Amino acid sequence: MNFTNIVNSIRTKADFVNFIHFLLEDLKSNSEDWENKTLPEYLEAIASWTDDMEGYYVNDNLPIPDNVDWKVFADILVAAKMYE
């Protein structure tokens, strides 16, 4: 299954958790396909892409999300600093 299909199928918290595991496995088994392999590179890319994300949706003729709960994403990223 490719990333687009998986992302488009995410509907629940469990789907999202499974997607994160899929990303980790993909990094482990296909690291040559990853531009941003380190945590600093990956976090920088997240910030850059998020800043420019409207262009992605416009270029792919997709609706720009308007009800994103940014705080939840921030909570996830901060909690992962120390969660075991």
N, C-alpha and C. Protein backbone atom coordinates (compact mmCIF):
# COMPACT_ATOMS: atom_id res chain seq x y z
N MET A 1 0.86 -1.18 0.00
CA MET A 1 0.00 0.00 0.00
C MET A 1 0.90 1.24 0.00
N ASN A 2 0.52 2.25 -0.75
CA ASN A 2 1.35 3.46 -0.81
C ASN A 2 0.87 4.51 0.20
N PHE A 3 1.70 5.53 0.38
CA PHE A 3 1.39 6.55 1.38
C PHE A 3 0.07 7.25 1.11
N THR A 4 -0.22 7.57 -0.12
CA THR A 4 -1.46 8.28 -0.44
C THR A 4 -2.68 7.47 -0.02
N ASN A 5 -2.67 6.18 -0.34
CA ASN A 5 -3.80 5.32 0.03
C ASN A 5 -3.95 5.22 1.54
N ILE A 6 -2.83 5.09 2.23
CA ILE A 6 -2.89 4.97 3.69
C ILE A 6 -3.40 6.27 4.31
N VAL A 7 -2.85 7.40 3.89
CA VAL A 7 -3.28 8.69 4.43
C VAL A 7 -4.77 8.90 4.17
N ASN A 8 -5.21 8.59 2.97
CA ASN A 8 -6.62 8.79 2.63
C ASN A 8 -7.56 7.86 3.39
N SER A 9 -7.01 6.79 3.97
CA SER A 9 -7.86 5.86 4.72
C SER A 9 -7.90 6.15 6.21
N ILE A 10 -7.12 7.13 6.68
CA ILE A 10 -7.10 7.44 8.11
C ILE A 10 -8.41 8.11 8.53
N ARG A 11 -9.09 7.46 9.47
CA ARG A 11 -10.36 7.98 9.98
C ARG A 11 -10.39 8.02 11.51
N THR A 12 -9.54 7.20 12.13
CA THR A 12 -9.60 7.05 13.58
C THR A 12 -8.22 7.24 14.19
N LYS A 13 -8.20 7.33 15.52
CA LYS A 13 -6.94 7.40 16.23
C LYS A 13 -6.11 6.16 15.95
N ALA A 14 -6.73 4.99 15.93
CA ALA A 14 -6.03 3.73 15.66
C ALA A 14 -5.40 3.76 14.26
N ASP A 15 -6.14 4.29 13.29
CA ASP A 15 -5.60 4.42 11.92
C ASP A 15 -4.35 5.30 11.93
N PHE A 16 -4.39 6.39 12.69
CA PHE A 16 -3.26 7.31 12.77
C PHE A 16 -2.07 6.62 13.43
N VAL A 17 -2.31 5.89 14.51
CA VAL A 17 -1.22 5.17 15.19
C VAL A 17 -0.61 4.15 14.25
N ASN A 18 -1.44 3.42 13.52
CA ASN A 18 -0.93 2.45 12.54
C ASN A 18 -0.11 3.14 11.46
N PHE A 19 -0.53 4.32 11.05
CA PHE A 19 0.21 5.08 10.05
C PHE A 19 1.59 5.47 10.57
N ILE A 20 1.67 5.91 11.82
CA ILE A 20 2.97 6.26 12.41
C ILE A 20 3.89 5.03 12.41
N HIS A 21 3.34 3.87 12.76
CA HIS A 21 4.15 2.64 12.72
C HIS A 21 4.58 2.32 11.29
N PHE A 22 3.70 2.54 10.33
CA PHE A 22 4.04 2.33 8.92
C PHE A 22 5.19 3.25 8.52
N LEU A 23 5.13 4.53 8.93
CA LEU A 23 6.23 5.46 8.63
C LEU A 23 7.55 4.96 9.21
N LEU A 24 7.54 4.52 10.45
CA LEU A 24 8.75 4.03 11.08
C LEU A 24 9.31 2.82 10.35
N GLU A 25 8.45 1.88 10.01
CA GLU A 25 8.90 0.70 9.27
C GLU A 25 9.44 1.08 7.90
N ASP A 26 8.79 2.06 7.25
CA ASP A 26 9.27 2.50 5.95
C ASP A 26 10.66 3.14 6.06
N LEU A 27 10.86 3.94 7.10
CA LEU A 27 12.18 4.53 7.32
C LEU A 27 13.23 3.45 7.53
N LYS A 28 12.90 2.44 8.32
CA LYS A 28 13.86 1.37 8.59
C LYS A 28 14.18 0.56 7.34
N SER A 29 13.19 0.28 6.52
CA SER A 29 13.41 -0.61 5.38
C SER A 29 13.67 0.11 4.07
N ASN A 30 13.35 1.40 3.99
CA ASN A 30 13.54 2.15 2.74
C ASN A 30 14.19 3.51 3.00
N SER A 31 15.17 3.54 3.87
CA SER A 31 15.76 4.83 4.25
C SER A 31 16.35 5.58 3.06
N GLU A 32 16.73 4.86 2.00
CA GLU A 32 17.26 5.53 0.82
C GLU A 32 16.21 6.41 0.13
N ASP A 33 14.94 6.17 0.40
CA ASP A 33 13.86 6.97 -0.17
C ASP A 33 13.53 8.21 0.67
N TRP A 34 14.13 8.32 1.83
CA TRP A 34 13.84 9.42 2.76
C TRP A 34 14.87 10.52 2.60
N GLU A 35 14.42 11.72 2.36
CA GLU A 35 15.30 12.89 2.30
C GLU A 35 15.72 13.33 3.70
N ASN A 36 14.81 13.21 4.66
CA ASN A 36 15.03 13.72 6.02
C ASN A 36 15.07 12.55 7.00
N LYS A 37 16.26 12.00 7.20
CA LYS A 37 16.42 10.77 7.98
C LYS A 37 16.68 11.01 9.46
N THR A 38 17.15 12.18 9.81
CA THR A 38 17.40 12.46 11.23
C THR A 38 16.23 13.23 11.82
N LEU A 39 16.12 13.19 13.13
CA LEU A 39 15.04 13.92 13.78
C LEU A 39 15.09 15.42 13.49
N PRO A 40 16.28 16.07 13.59
CA PRO A 40 16.31 17.51 13.27
C PRO A 40 15.87 17.80 11.83
N GLU A 41 16.32 16.99 10.89
CA GLU A 41 15.92 17.20 9.49
C GLU A 41 14.41 17.00 9.33
N TYR A 42 13.89 15.96 9.96
CA TYR A 42 12.47 15.65 9.84
C TYR A 42 11.61 16.75 10.46
N LEU A 43 11.99 17.22 11.64
CA LEU A 43 11.22 18.30 12.28
C LEU A 43 11.28 19.59 11.46
N GLU A 44 12.44 19.90 10.91
CA GLU A 44 12.56 21.09 10.05
C GLU A 44 11.67 20.95 8.82
N ALA A 45 11.64 19.77 8.24
CA ALA A 45 10.78 19.54 7.07
C ALA A 45 9.30 19.65 7.43
N ILE A 46 8.93 19.17 8.61
CA ILE A 46 7.54 19.31 9.07
C ILE A 46 7.18 20.79 9.16
N ALA A 47 8.06 21.59 9.77
CA ALA A 47 7.79 23.03 9.90
C ALA A 47 7.70 23.69 8.53
N SER A 48 8.63 23.38 7.65
CA SER A 48 8.64 24.01 6.31
C SER A 48 7.40 23.62 5.51
N TRP A 49 7.08 22.32 5.51
CA TRP A 49 5.93 21.87 4.73
C TRP A 49 4.64 22.48 5.29
N THR A 50 4.52 22.50 6.61
CA THR A 50 3.32 23.07 7.22
C THR A 50 3.16 24.53 6.85
N ASP A 51 4.27 25.27 6.84
CA ASP A 51 4.23 26.68 6.47
C ASP A 51 3.75 26.87 5.03
N ASP A 52 4.09 25.95 4.16
CA ASP A 52 3.75 26.05 2.73
C ASP A 52 2.63 25.10 2.30
N MET A 53 1.93 24.49 3.23
CA MET A 53 1.01 23.40 2.88
C MET A 53 -0.14 23.79 1.96
N GLU A 54 -0.55 25.03 2.00
CA GLU A 54 -1.65 25.43 1.11
C GLU A 54 -1.29 25.19 -0.35
N GLY A 55 -0.03 25.41 -0.70
CA GLY A 55 0.42 25.17 -2.07
C GLY A 55 0.26 23.72 -2.49
N TYR A 56 0.52 22.79 -1.58
CA TYR A 56 0.34 21.37 -1.87
C TYR A 56 -1.11 21.09 -2.26
N TYR A 57 -2.03 21.60 -1.46
CA TYR A 57 -3.45 21.33 -1.73
C TYR A 57 -3.91 22.03 -3.00
N VAL A 58 -3.48 23.25 -3.21
CA VAL A 58 -3.85 23.97 -4.44
C VAL A 58 -3.29 23.25 -5.66
N ASN A 59 -2.02 22.85 -5.61
CA ASN A 59 -1.39 22.19 -6.76
C ASN A 59 -2.01 20.85 -7.09
N ASP A 60 -2.54 20.16 -6.08
CA ASP A 60 -3.18 18.86 -6.31
C ASP A 60 -4.70 18.95 -6.41
N ASN A 61 -5.20 20.20 -6.54
CA ASN A 61 -6.64 20.43 -6.66
C ASN A 61 -7.43 19.79 -5.52
N LEU A 62 -6.91 19.93 -4.31
CA LEU A 62 -7.56 19.40 -3.12
C LEU A 62 -8.03 20.56 -2.25
N PRO A 63 -9.08 20.35 -1.49
CA PRO A 63 -9.52 21.41 -0.58
C PRO A 63 -8.49 21.64 0.52
N ILE A 64 -8.27 22.89 0.85
CA ILE A 64 -7.35 23.24 1.93
C ILE A 64 -8.06 22.99 3.26
N PRO A 65 -7.48 22.16 4.13
CA PRO A 65 -8.13 21.88 5.42
C PRO A 65 -8.34 23.17 6.22
N ASP A 66 -9.52 23.30 6.81
CA ASP A 66 -9.79 24.52 7.57
C ASP A 66 -10.09 24.25 9.04
N ASN A 67 -10.22 23.00 9.43
CA ASN A 67 -10.52 22.68 10.83
C ASN A 67 -9.43 21.82 11.45
N VAL A 68 -8.19 22.15 11.20
CA VAL A 68 -7.08 21.39 11.76
C VAL A 68 -6.91 21.77 13.23
N ASP A 69 -6.82 20.78 14.09
CA ASP A 69 -6.59 21.05 15.50
C ASP A 69 -5.09 21.04 15.74
N TRP A 70 -4.47 22.20 15.53
CA TRP A 70 -3.01 22.32 15.62
C TRP A 70 -2.50 22.01 17.01
N LYS A 71 -3.28 22.28 18.02
CA LYS A 71 -2.85 22.01 19.39
C LYS A 71 -2.62 20.52 19.61
N VAL A 72 -3.48 19.68 19.04
CA VAL A 72 -3.31 18.23 19.20
C VAL A 72 -1.98 17.78 18.59
N PHE A 73 -1.65 18.30 17.40
CA PHE A 73 -0.35 17.96 16.80
C PHE A 73 0.79 18.41 17.71
N ALA A 74 0.68 19.59 18.25
CA ALA A 74 1.72 20.10 19.15
C ALA A 74 1.81 19.23 20.40
N ASP A 75 0.67 18.84 20.96
CA ASP A 75 0.67 17.97 22.13
C ASP A 75 1.38 16.65 21.83
N ILE A 76 1.12 16.07 20.67
CA ILE A 76 1.74 14.81 20.27
C ILE A 76 3.25 14.97 20.18
N LEU A 77 3.70 16.02 19.52
CA LEU A 77 5.14 16.23 19.34
C LEU A 77 5.85 16.48 20.67
N VAL A 78 5.25 17.28 21.53
CA VAL A 78 5.88 17.56 22.83
C VAL A 78 5.86 16.32 23.72
N ALA A 79 4.75 15.61 23.77
CA ALA A 79 4.65 14.43 24.63
C ALA A 79 5.65 13.35 24.21
N ALA A 80 5.90 13.24 22.91
CA ALA A 80 6.83 12.22 22.41
C ALA A 80 8.26 12.45 22.86
N LYS A 81 8.57 13.67 23.33
CA LYS A 81 9.89 13.96 23.87
C LYS A 81 10.24 13.04 25.04
N MET A 82 9.22 12.71 25.85
CA MET A 82 9.51 12.00 27.09
C MET A 82 8.69 10.74 27.29
N TYR A 83 7.71 10.51 26.45
CA TYR A 83 6.84 9.34 26.62
C TYR A 83 7.60 8.07 26.24
N GLU A 84 7.44 7.03 27.02
CA GLU A 84 8.16 5.78 26.75
C GLU A 84 7.28 4.77 26.09
